[in-house]
PDB file of N, CA and C in Angstrom:
ATOM      1  N   UNK A   1       8.924   2.886   0.936  1.00  0.00           N
ATOM      2  CA  UNK A   1       8.428   2.202  -0.215  1.00  0.00           C
ATOM      3  C   UNK A   1       9.389   1.070  -0.520  1.00  0.00           C
ATOM      4  N   UNK A   2       8.806  -0.097  -0.818  1.00  0.00           N
ATOM      5  CA  UNK A   2       9.605  -1.258  -1.190  1.00  0.00           C
ATOM      6  C   UNK A   2       8.699  -2.265  -1.880  1.00  0.00           C
ATOM      7  N   UNK A   3       9.306  -3.306  -2.400  1.00  0.00           N
ATOM      8  CA  UNK A   3       8.520  -4.418  -2.907  1.00  0.00           C
ATOM      9  C   UNK A   3       8.098  -5.240  -1.699  1.00  0.00           C
ATOM     10  N   UNK A   4       6.882  -5.718  -1.710  1.00  0.00           N
ATOM     11  CA  UNK A   4       6.345  -6.466  -0.574  1.00  0.00           C
ATOM     12  C   UNK A   4       7.031  -7.826  -0.459  1.00  0.00           C
ATOM     13  N   UNK A   5       7.182  -8.298   0.781  1.00  0.00           N
ATOM     14  CA  UNK A   5       7.753  -9.623   1.011  1.00  0.00           C
ATOM     15  C   UNK A   5       6.766 -10.725   0.663  1.00  0.00           C
ATOM     16  N   UNK A   6       5.477 -10.387   0.655  1.00  0.00           N
ATOM     17  CA  UNK A   6       4.458 -11.393   0.378  1.00  0.00           C
ATOM     18  C   UNK A   6       3.677 -11.082  -0.876  1.00  0.00           C
ATOM     19  N   UNK A   7       3.199 -12.127  -1.530  1.00  0.00           N
ATOM     20  CA  UNK A   7       2.347 -11.941  -2.699  1.00  0.00           C
ATOM     21  C   UNK A   7       0.974 -11.473  -2.241  1.00  0.00           C
ATOM     22  N   UNK A   8       0.150 -11.036  -3.181  1.00  0.00           N
ATOM     23  CA  UNK A   8      -1.202 -10.617  -2.831  1.00  0.00           C
ATOM     24  C   UNK A   8      -1.990 -11.780  -2.230  1.00  0.00           C
ATOM     25  N   UNK A   9      -1.804 -12.986  -2.761  1.00  0.00           N
ATOM     26  CA  UNK A   9      -2.501 -14.160  -2.221  1.00  0.00           C
ATOM     27  C   UNK A   9      -2.064 -14.438  -0.783  1.00  0.00           C
ATOM     28  N   UNK A  10      -0.782 -14.285  -0.501  1.00  0.00           N
ATOM     29  CA  UNK A  10      -0.281 -14.516   0.862  1.00  0.00           C
ATOM     30  C   UNK A  10      -0.842 -13.476   1.835  1.00  0.00           C
ATOM     31  N   UNK A  11      -0.937 -12.235   1.390  1.00  0.00           N
ATOM     32  CA  UNK A  11      -1.495 -11.179   2.246  1.00  0.00           C
ATOM     33  C   UNK A  11      -2.952 -11.485   2.585  1.00  0.00           C
ATOM     34  N   UNK A  12      -3.731 -11.887   1.580  1.00  0.00           N
ATOM     35  CA  UNK A  12      -5.141 -12.228   1.803  1.00  0.00           C
ATOM     36  C   UNK A  12      -5.259 -13.360   2.820  1.00  0.00           C
ATOM     37  N   UNK A  13      -4.393 -14.350   2.700  1.00  0.00           N
ATOM     38  CA  UNK A  13      -4.461 -15.531   3.561  1.00  0.00           C
ATOM     39  C   UNK A  13      -4.095 -15.224   5.015  1.00  0.00           C
ATOM     40  N   UNK A  14      -3.312 -14.199   5.250  1.00  0.00           N
ATOM     41  CA  UNK A  14      -2.889 -13.870   6.619  1.00  0.00           C
ATOM     42  C   UNK A  14      -4.043 -13.418   7.499  1.00  0.00           C
ATOM     43  N   UNK A  15      -5.042 -12.811   6.907  1.00  0.00           N
ATOM     44  CA  UNK A  15      -6.200 -12.367   7.670  1.00  0.00           C
ATOM     45  C   UNK A  15      -5.987 -11.124   8.522  1.00  0.00           C
ATOM     46  N   UNK A  16      -4.859 -10.462   8.389  1.00  0.00           N
ATOM     47  CA  UNK A  16      -4.602  -9.250   9.177  1.00  0.00           C
ATOM     48  C   UNK A  16      -4.656  -7.986   8.318  1.00  0.00           C
ATOM     49  N   UNK A  17      -4.891  -8.163   7.040  1.00  0.00           N
ATOM     50  CA  UNK A  17      -4.952  -7.036   6.106  1.00  0.00           C
ATOM     51  C   UNK A  17      -6.404  -6.758   5.767  1.00  0.00           C
ATOM     52  N   UNK A  18      -6.767  -5.495   5.688  1.00  0.00           N
ATOM     53  CA  UNK A  18      -8.112  -5.126   5.265  1.00  0.00           C
ATOM     54  C   UNK A  18      -8.042  -4.580   3.847  1.00  0.00           C
ATOM     55  N   UNK A  19      -9.114  -4.702   3.116  1.00  0.00           N
ATOM     56  CA  UNK A  19      -9.132  -4.183   1.758  1.00  0.00           C
ATOM     57  C   UNK A  19      -9.551  -2.721   1.773  1.00  0.00           C
ATOM     58  N   UNK A  20      -8.984  -1.977   0.857  1.00  0.00           N
ATOM     59  CA  UNK A  20      -9.332  -0.568   0.678  1.00  0.00           C
ATOM     60  C   UNK A  20      -9.504  -0.365  -0.819  1.00  0.00           C
ATOM     61  N   UNK A  21     -10.721  -0.425  -1.271  1.00  0.00           N
ATOM     62  CA  UNK A  21     -10.960  -0.332  -2.703  1.00  0.00           C
ATOM     63  C   UNK A  21     -10.644  -1.648  -3.400  1.00  0.00           C
ATOM     64  N   UNK A  22     -10.483  -1.573  -4.677  1.00  0.00           N
ATOM     65  CA  UNK A  22     -10.288  -2.768  -5.500  1.00  0.00           C
ATOM     66  C   UNK A  22      -8.882  -3.363  -5.373  1.00  0.00           C
ATOM     67  N   UNK A  23      -7.861  -2.524  -5.273  1.00  0.00           N
ATOM     68  CA  UNK A  23      -6.486  -3.003  -5.403  1.00  0.00           C
ATOM     69  C   UNK A  23      -5.615  -2.912  -4.156  1.00  0.00           C
ATOM     70  N   UNK A  24      -6.062  -2.265  -3.110  1.00  0.00           N
ATOM     71  CA  UNK A  24      -5.170  -1.958  -1.996  1.00  0.00           C
ATOM     72  C   UNK A  24      -5.502  -2.795  -0.755  1.00  0.00           C
ATOM     73  N   UNK A  25      -4.456  -3.288  -0.117  1.00  0.00           N
ATOM     74  CA  UNK A  25      -4.572  -3.963   1.175  1.00  0.00           C
ATOM     75  C   UNK A  25      -3.862  -3.108   2.210  1.00  0.00           C
ATOM     76  N   UNK A  26      -4.496  -2.935   3.360  1.00  0.00           N
ATOM     77  CA  UNK A  26      -3.984  -2.012   4.373  1.00  0.00           C
ATOM     78  C   UNK A  26      -3.847  -2.744   5.702  1.00  0.00           C
ATOM     79  N   UNK A  27      -2.778  -2.407   6.403  1.00  0.00           N
ATOM     80  CA  UNK A  27      -2.569  -2.898   7.769  1.00  0.00           C
ATOM     81  C   UNK A  27      -2.240  -1.697   8.647  1.00  0.00           C
ATOM     82  N   UNK A  28      -3.007  -1.551   9.730  1.00  0.00           N
ATOM     83  CA  UNK A  28      -2.776  -0.457  10.676  1.00  0.00           C
ATOM     84  C   UNK A  28      -2.255  -1.025  11.984  1.00  0.00           C
ATOM     85  N   UNK A  29      -1.260  -0.359  12.524  1.00  0.00           N
ATOM     86  CA  UNK A  29      -0.696  -0.768  13.817  1.00  0.00           C
ATOM     87  C   UNK A  29      -0.488   0.461  14.676  1.00  0.00           C
ATOM     88  N   UNK A  30      -0.164   0.241  15.912  1.00  0.00           N
ATOM     89  CA  UNK A  30       0.141   1.334  16.851  1.00  0.00           C
ATOM     90  C   UNK A  30      -0.977   2.380  16.886  1.00  0.00           C
ATOM     91  N   UNK A  31      -2.209   1.914  17.073  1.00  0.00           N
ATOM     92  CA  UNK A  31      -3.388   2.794  17.163  1.00  0.00           C
ATOM     93  C   UNK A  31      -3.558   3.671  15.921  1.00  0.00           C
ATOM     94  N   UNK A  32      -3.190   3.141  14.766  1.00  0.00           N
ATOM     95  CA  UNK A  32      -3.353   3.874  13.510  1.00  0.00           C
ATOM     96  C   UNK A  32      -2.205   4.790  13.156  1.00  0.00           C
ATOM     97  N   UNK A  33      -1.146   4.788  13.958  1.00  0.00           N
ATOM     98  CA  UNK A  33      -0.001   5.667  13.690  1.00  0.00           C
ATOM     99  C   UNK A  33       1.067   5.006  12.817  1.00  0.00           C
ATOM    100  N   UNK A  34       0.793   3.788  12.383  1.00  0.00           N
ATOM    101  CA  UNK A  34       1.701   3.052  11.499  1.00  0.00           C
ATOM    102  C   UNK A  34       0.827   2.370  10.451  1.00  0.00           C
ATOM    103  N   UNK A  35       0.911   2.821   9.212  1.00  0.00           N
ATOM    104  CA  UNK A  35       0.068   2.300   8.134  1.00  0.00           C
ATOM    105  C   UNK A  35       0.953   1.705   7.042  1.00  0.00           C
ATOM    106  N   UNK A  36       0.601   0.495   6.639  1.00  0.00           N
ATOM    107  CA  UNK A  36       1.248  -0.150   5.502  1.00  0.00           C
ATOM    108  C   UNK A  36       0.172  -0.407   4.454  1.00  0.00           C
ATOM    109  N   UNK A  37       0.420   0.013   3.232  1.00  0.00           N
ATOM    110  CA  UNK A  37      -0.503  -0.210   2.121  1.00  0.00           C
ATOM    111  C   UNK A  37       0.239  -0.982   1.026  1.00  0.00           C
ATOM    112  N   UNK A  38      -0.405  -2.026   0.529  1.00  0.00           N
ATOM    113  CA  UNK A  38       0.195  -2.872  -0.504  1.00  0.00           C
ATOM    114  C   UNK A  38      -0.750  -2.908  -1.699  1.00  0.00           C
ATOM    115  N   UNK A  39      -0.178  -2.792  -2.905  1.00  0.00           N
ATOM    116  CA  UNK A  39      -1.012  -2.816  -4.108  1.00  0.00           C
ATOM    117  C   UNK A  39      -0.214  -3.381  -5.277  1.00  0.00           C
ATOM    118  N   UNK A  40      -0.922  -4.001  -6.245  1.00  0.00           N
ATOM    119  CA  UNK A  40      -0.232  -4.549  -7.399  1.00  0.00           C
ATOM    120  C   UNK A  40       0.287  -3.435  -8.301  1.00  0.00           C
ATOM    121  N   UNK A  41       1.493  -3.609  -8.771  1.00  0.00           N
ATOM    122  CA  UNK A  41       2.105  -2.613  -9.659  1.00  0.00           C
ATOM    123  C   UNK A  41       2.893  -3.350 -10.732  1.00  0.00           C
ATOM    124  N   UNK A  42       2.339  -3.399 -11.918  1.00  0.00           N
ATOM    125  CA  UNK A  42       3.007  -4.062 -13.037  1.00  0.00           C
ATOM    126  C   UNK A  42       4.022  -3.103 -13.642  1.00  0.00           C
ATOM    127  N   UNK A  43       5.268  -3.567 -13.727  1.00  0.00           N
ATOM    128  CA  UNK A  43       6.340  -2.773 -14.316  1.00  0.00           C
ATOM    129  C   UNK A  43       6.564  -3.258 -15.744  1.00  0.00           C
ATOM    130  N   UNK A  44       6.594  -2.324 -16.671  1.00  0.00           N
ATOM    131  CA  UNK A  44       6.779  -2.686 -18.083  1.00  0.00           C
ATOM    132  C   UNK A  44       8.024  -3.557 -18.257  1.00  0.00           C
ATOM    133  N   UNK A  45       7.863  -4.647 -18.993  1.00  0.00           N
ATOM    134  CA  UNK A  45       8.975  -5.537 -19.290  1.00  0.00           C
ATOM    135  C   UNK A  45       9.241  -6.583 -18.225  1.00  0.00           C
ATOM    136  N   UNK A  46       8.524  -6.541 -17.112  1.00  0.00           N
ATOM    137  CA  UNK A  46       8.754  -7.520 -16.045  1.00  0.00           C
ATOM    138  C   UNK A  46       8.026  -8.827 -16.356  1.00  0.00           C
ATOM    139  N   UNK A  47       8.363  -9.865 -15.619  1.00  0.00           N
ATOM    140  CA  UNK A  47       7.731 -11.177 -15.756  1.00  0.00           C
ATOM    141  C   UNK A  47       6.228 -11.036 -15.545  1.00  0.00           C
ATOM    142  N   UNK A  48       5.435 -11.864 -16.222  1.00  0.00           N
ATOM    143  CA  UNK A  48       3.976 -11.778 -16.121  1.00  0.00           C
ATOM    144  C   UNK A  48       3.476 -11.901 -14.688  1.00  0.00           C
ATOM    145  N   UNK A  49       4.113 -12.711 -13.869  1.00  0.00           N
ATOM    146  CA  UNK A  49       3.653 -12.948 -12.496  1.00  0.00           C
ATOM    147  C   UNK A  49       4.056 -11.833 -11.537  1.00  0.00           C
ATOM    148  N   UNK A  50       4.888 -10.916 -11.986  1.00  0.00           N
ATOM    149  CA  UNK A  50       5.399  -9.879 -11.083  1.00  0.00           C
ATOM    150  C   UNK A  50       4.288  -9.078 -10.418  1.00  0.00           C
ATOM    151  N   UNK A  51       3.268  -8.717 -11.140  1.00  0.00           N
ATOM    152  CA  UNK A  51       2.206  -7.866 -10.606  1.00  0.00           C
ATOM    153  C   UNK A  51       1.545  -8.470  -9.359  1.00  0.00           C
ATOM    154  N   UNK A  52       1.242  -9.764  -9.395  1.00  0.00           N
ATOM    155  CA  UNK A  52       0.570 -10.418  -8.263  1.00  0.00           C
ATOM    156  C   UNK A  52       1.550 -10.962  -7.227  1.00  0.00           C
ATOM    157  N   UNK A  53       2.706 -11.401  -7.693  1.00  0.00           N
ATOM    158  CA  UNK A  53       3.662 -12.045  -6.791  1.00  0.00           C
ATOM    159  C   UNK A  53       4.590 -11.068  -6.078  1.00  0.00           C
ATOM    160  N   UNK A  54       4.743  -9.878  -6.623  1.00  0.00           N
ATOM    161  CA  UNK A  54       5.661  -8.900  -6.047  1.00  0.00           C
ATOM    162  C   UNK A  54       5.014  -7.512  -6.051  1.00  0.00           C
ATOM    163  N   UNK A  55       3.996  -7.314  -5.203  1.00  0.00           N
ATOM    164  CA  UNK A  55       3.318  -6.014  -5.166  1.00  0.00           C
ATOM    165  C   UNK A  55       4.176  -4.946  -4.481  1.00  0.00           C
ATOM    166  N   UNK A  56       3.789  -3.707  -4.680  1.00  0.00           N
ATOM    167  CA  UNK A  56       4.468  -2.578  -4.037  1.00  0.00           C
ATOM    168  C   UNK A  56       3.917  -2.358  -2.637  1.00  0.00           C
ATOM    169  N   UNK A  57       4.763  -1.893  -1.761  1.00  0.00           N
ATOM    170  CA  UNK A  57       4.370  -1.618  -0.385  1.00  0.00           C
ATOM    171  C   UNK A  57       4.835  -0.221  -0.017  1.00  0.00           C
ATOM    172  N   UNK A  58       3.927   0.587   0.498  1.00  0.00           N
ATOM    173  CA  UNK A  58       4.293   1.898   1.029  1.00  0.00           C
ATOM    174  C   UNK A  58       3.929   1.913   2.509  1.00  0.00           C
ATOM    175  N   UNK A  59       4.764   2.557   3.272  1.00  0.00           N
ATOM    176  CA  UNK A  59       4.592   2.535   4.726  1.00  0.00           C
ATOM    177  C   UNK A  59       4.811   3.935   5.279  1.00  0.00           C
ATOM    178  N   UNK A  60       3.906   4.350   6.154  1.00  0.00           N
ATOM    179  CA  UNK A  60       4.050   5.628   6.838  1.00  0.00           C
ATOM    180  C   UNK A  60       3.890   5.386   8.332  1.00  0.00           C
ATOM    181  N   UNK A  61       4.616   6.171   9.106  1.00  0.00           N
ATOM    182  CA  UNK A  61       4.573   5.982  10.558  1.00  0.00           C
ATOM    183  C   UNK A  61       4.891   7.300  11.259  1.00  0.00           C
ATOM    184  N   UNK A  62       4.192   7.528  12.346  1.00  0.00           N
ATOM    185  CA  UNK A  62       4.427   8.705  13.171  1.00  0.00           C
ATOM    186  C   UNK A  62       4.804   8.225  14.566  1.00  0.00           C
ATOM    187  N   UNK A  63       5.857   8.798  15.112  1.00  0.00           N
ATOM    188  CA  UNK A  63       6.264   8.452  16.474  1.00  0.00           C
ATOM    189  C   UNK A  63       6.496   9.731  17.273  1.00  0.00           C
ATOM    190  N   UNK A  64       6.262   9.643  18.543  1.00  0.00           N
ATOM    191  CA  UNK A  64       6.549  10.736  19.483  1.00  0.00           C
ATOM    192  C   UNK A  64       5.780  12.025  19.216  1.00  0.00           C
ATOM    193  N   UNK A  65       4.564  11.906  18.670  1.00  0.00           N
ATOM    194  CA  UNK A  65       3.712  13.079  18.487  1.00  0.00           C
ATOM    195  C   UNK A  65       2.351  12.728  19.086  1.00  0.00           C
ATOM    196  N   UNK A  66       2.161  12.994  20.352  1.00  0.00           N
ATOM    197  CA  UNK A  66       0.887  12.666  20.995  1.00  0.00           C
ATOM    198  C   UNK A  66      -0.294  13.351  20.309  1.00  0.00           C
ATOM    199  N   UNK A  67      -1.375  12.603  20.116  1.00  0.00           N
ATOM    200  CA  UNK A  67      -2.578  13.163  19.537  1.00  0.00           C
ATOM    201  C   UNK A  67      -2.534  13.400  18.041  1.00  0.00           C
ATOM    202  N   UNK A  68      -1.555  12.824  17.353  1.00  0.00           N
ATOM    203  CA  UNK A  68      -1.448  13.038  15.905  1.00  0.00           C
ATOM    204  C   UNK A  68      -2.715  12.524  15.216  1.00  0.00           C
ATOM    205  N   UNK A  69      -3.181  13.237  14.231  1.00  0.00           N
ATOM    206  CA  UNK A  69      -4.397  12.905  13.492  1.00  0.00           C
ATOM    207  C   UNK A  69      -4.142  11.715  12.559  1.00  0.00           C
ATOM    208  N   UNK A  70      -4.738  10.565  12.903  1.00  0.00           N
ATOM    209  CA  UNK A  70      -4.530   9.368  12.085  1.00  0.00           C
ATOM    210  C   UNK A  70      -5.160   9.510  10.702  1.00  0.00           C
ATOM    211  N   UNK A  71      -6.185  10.355  10.578  1.00  0.00           N
ATOM    212  CA  UNK A  71      -6.764  10.625   9.269  1.00  0.00           C
ATOM    213  C   UNK A  71      -5.767  11.292   8.340  1.00  0.00           C
ATOM    214  N   UNK A  72      -4.989  12.205   8.893  1.00  0.00           N
ATOM    215  CA  UNK A  72      -3.950  12.875   8.109  1.00  0.00           C
ATOM    216  C   UNK A  72      -2.897  11.865   7.650  1.00  0.00           C
ATOM    217  N   UNK A  73      -2.532  10.953   8.527  1.00  0.00           N
ATOM    218  CA  UNK A  73      -1.553   9.931   8.143  1.00  0.00           C
ATOM    219  C   UNK A  73      -2.106   9.059   7.015  1.00  0.00           C
ATOM    220  N   UNK A  74      -3.389   8.752   7.065  1.00  0.00           N
ATOM    221  CA  UNK A  74      -4.023   8.004   5.979  1.00  0.00           C
ATOM    222  C   UNK A  74      -3.956   8.767   4.665  1.00  0.00           C
ATOM    223  N   UNK A  75      -4.215  10.070   4.721  1.00  0.00           N
ATOM    224  CA  UNK A  75      -4.130  10.903   3.519  1.00  0.00           C
ATOM    225  C   UNK A  75      -2.708  10.925   2.964  1.00  0.00           C
ATOM    226  N   UNK A  76      -1.729  11.021   3.841  1.00  0.00           N
ATOM    227  CA  UNK A  76      -0.326  11.012   3.408  1.00  0.00           C
ATOM    228  C   UNK A  76       0.033   9.683   2.751  1.00  0.00           C
ATOM    229  N   UNK A  77      -0.483   8.596   3.303  1.00  0.00           N
ATOM    230  CA  UNK A  77      -0.216   7.269   2.747  1.00  0.00           C
ATOM    231  C   UNK A  77      -0.816   7.137   1.354  1.00  0.00           C
ATOM    232  N   UNK A  78      -2.043   7.613   1.177  1.00  0.00           N
ATOM    233  CA  UNK A  78      -2.692   7.594  -0.137  1.00  0.00           C
ATOM    234  C   UNK A  78      -1.875   8.401  -1.133  1.00  0.00           C
ATOM    235  N   UNK A  79      -1.472   9.578  -0.727  1.00  0.00           N
ATOM    236  CA  UNK A  79      -0.700  10.466  -1.611  1.00  0.00           C
ATOM    237  C   UNK A  79       0.634   9.826  -2.016  1.00  0.00           C
ATOM    238  N   UNK A  80       1.302   9.207  -1.051  1.00  0.00           N
ATOM    239  CA  UNK A  80       2.571   8.530  -1.351  1.00  0.00           C
ATOM    240  C   UNK A  80       2.347   7.374  -2.317  1.00  0.00           C
ATOM    241  N   UNK A  81       1.338   6.553  -2.062  1.00  0.00           N
ATOM    242  CA  UNK A  81       1.065   5.411  -2.933  1.00  0.00           C
ATOM    243  C   UNK A  81       0.755   5.864  -4.355  1.00  0.00           C
ATOM    244  N   UNK A  82      -0.064   6.883  -4.497  1.00  0.00           N
ATOM    245  CA  UNK A  82      -0.411   7.384  -5.831  1.00  0.00           C
ATOM    246  C   UNK A  82       0.801   7.971  -6.550  1.00  0.00           C
ATOM    247  N   UNK A  83       1.625   8.687  -5.819  1.00  0.00           N
ATOM    248  CA  UNK A  83       2.821   9.291  -6.423  1.00  0.00           C
ATOM    249  C   UNK A  83       3.789   8.219  -6.898  1.00  0.00           C
ATOM    250  N   UNK A  84       4.028   7.219  -6.067  1.00  0.00           N
ATOM    251  CA  UNK A  84       4.932   6.130  -6.444  1.00  0.00           C
ATOM    252  C   UNK A  84       4.390   5.391  -7.666  1.00  0.00           C
ATOM    253  N   UNK A  85       3.084   5.079  -7.661  1.00  0.00           N
ATOM    254  CA  UNK A  85       2.479   4.364  -8.787  1.00  0.00           C
ATOM    255  C   UNK A  85       2.606   5.155 -10.087  1.00  0.00           C
ATOM    256  N   UNK A  86       2.482   6.450  -9.998  1.00  0.00           N
ATOM    257  CA  UNK A  86       2.572   7.300 -11.186  1.00  0.00           C
ATOM    258  C   UNK A  86       4.011   7.433 -11.680  1.00  0.00           C
ATOM    259  N   UNK A  87       4.945   7.595 -10.760  1.00  0.00           N
ATOM    260  CA  UNK A  87       6.333   7.874 -11.145  1.00  0.00           C
ATOM    261  C   UNK A  87       7.072   6.645 -11.669  1.00  0.00           C
ATOM    262  N   UNK A  88       6.676   5.441 -11.225  1.00  0.00           N
ATOM    263  CA  UNK A  88       7.420   4.252 -11.677  1.00  0.00           C
ATOM    264  C   UNK A  88       7.350   4.035 -13.190  1.00  0.00           C
ATOM    265  N   UNK A  89       6.393   4.047 -13.924  1.00  0.00           N
ATOM    266  CA  UNK A  89       4.975   3.985 -13.592  1.00  0.00           C
ATOM    267  C   UNK A  89       4.471   2.543 -13.516  1.00  0.00           C
ATOM    268  N   UNK A  90       3.369   2.370 -12.796  1.00  0.00           N
ATOM    269  CA  UNK A  90       2.673   1.089 -12.756  1.00  0.00           C
ATOM    270  C   UNK A  90       1.779   1.035 -13.991  1.00  0.00           C
ATOM    271  N   UNK A  91       2.052   0.121 -14.894  1.00  0.00           N
ATOM    272  CA  UNK A  91       1.302   0.074 -16.149  1.00  0.00           C
ATOM    273  C   UNK A  91      -0.111  -0.476 -15.984  1.00  0.00           C
ATOM    274  N   UNK A  92      -0.406  -1.102 -14.849  1.00  0.00           N
ATOM    275  CA  UNK A  92      -1.746  -1.647 -14.609  1.00  0.00           C
ATOM    276  C   UNK A  92      -2.697  -0.614 -14.011  1.00  0.00           C
ATOM    277  N   UNK A  93      -2.222   0.602 -13.751  1.00  0.00           N
ATOM    278  CA  UNK A  93      -3.036   1.689 -13.198  1.00  0.00           C
ATOM    279  C   UNK A  93      -3.809   1.248 -11.942  1.00  0.00           C
ATOM    280  N   UNK A  94      -3.096   0.946 -10.849  1.00  0.00           N
ATOM    281  CA  UNK A  94      -3.775   0.481  -9.643  1.00  0.00           C
ATOM    282  C   UNK A  94      -4.787   1.507  -9.134  1.00  0.00           C
ATOM    283  N   UNK A  95      -5.900   1.002  -8.661  1.00  0.00           N
ATOM    284  CA  UNK A  95      -6.977   1.863  -8.142  1.00  0.00           C
ATOM    285  C   UNK A  95      -6.747   2.103  -6.657  1.00  0.00           C
ATOM    286  N   UNK A  96      -6.154   3.224  -6.328  1.00  0.00           N
ATOM    287  CA  UNK A  96      -5.876   3.594  -4.945  1.00  0.00           C
ATOM    288  C   UNK A  96      -6.975   4.550  -4.508  1.00  0.00           C
ATOM    289  N   UNK A  97      -7.732   4.177  -3.469  1.00  0.00           N
ATOM    290  CA  UNK A  97      -8.885   4.992  -3.064  1.00  0.00           C
ATOM    291  C   UNK A  97      -8.465   6.332  -2.463  1.00  0.00           C
ATOM    292  N   UNK A  98      -9.438   7.215  -2.330  1.00  0.00           N
ATOM    293  CA  UNK A  98      -9.179   8.549  -1.769  1.00  0.00           C
ATOM    294  C   UNK A  98      -8.826   8.493  -0.287  1.00  0.00           C
ATOM    295  N   UNK A  99      -9.363   7.510   0.411  1.00  0.00           N
ATOM    296  CA  UNK A  99      -9.077   7.341   1.846  1.00  0.00           C
ATOM    297  C   UNK A  99      -8.774   5.885   2.135  1.00  0.00           C
ATOM    298  N   UNK A 100      -8.012   5.675   3.202  1.00  0.00           N
ATOM    299  CA  UNK A 100      -7.715   4.297   3.611  1.00  0.00           C
ATOM    300  C   UNK A 100      -8.464   3.964   4.863  1.00  0.00           C
TER     301      UNK A 100
END
């Protein structure tokens, strides 16, 4: 988990991210064994532009496990994103879908 290097507008412009629901952008690599999910997360007291210009990024990856279920990795990514959004907390209540 980290703050994304790119704004939401920059991610959209790259053309390599797919949308997942209203707020989440997803990038899959390595045959689905590496998932990055980015979503806006407004932190109380932060600059107004922070939510769009500095979104949160969660990343999950599996290596050296042949045949690993990519659906399970997607579920883990969703769970991590929701947990991080809740614990910070993100005051904008990002809509993270049930599946990526």
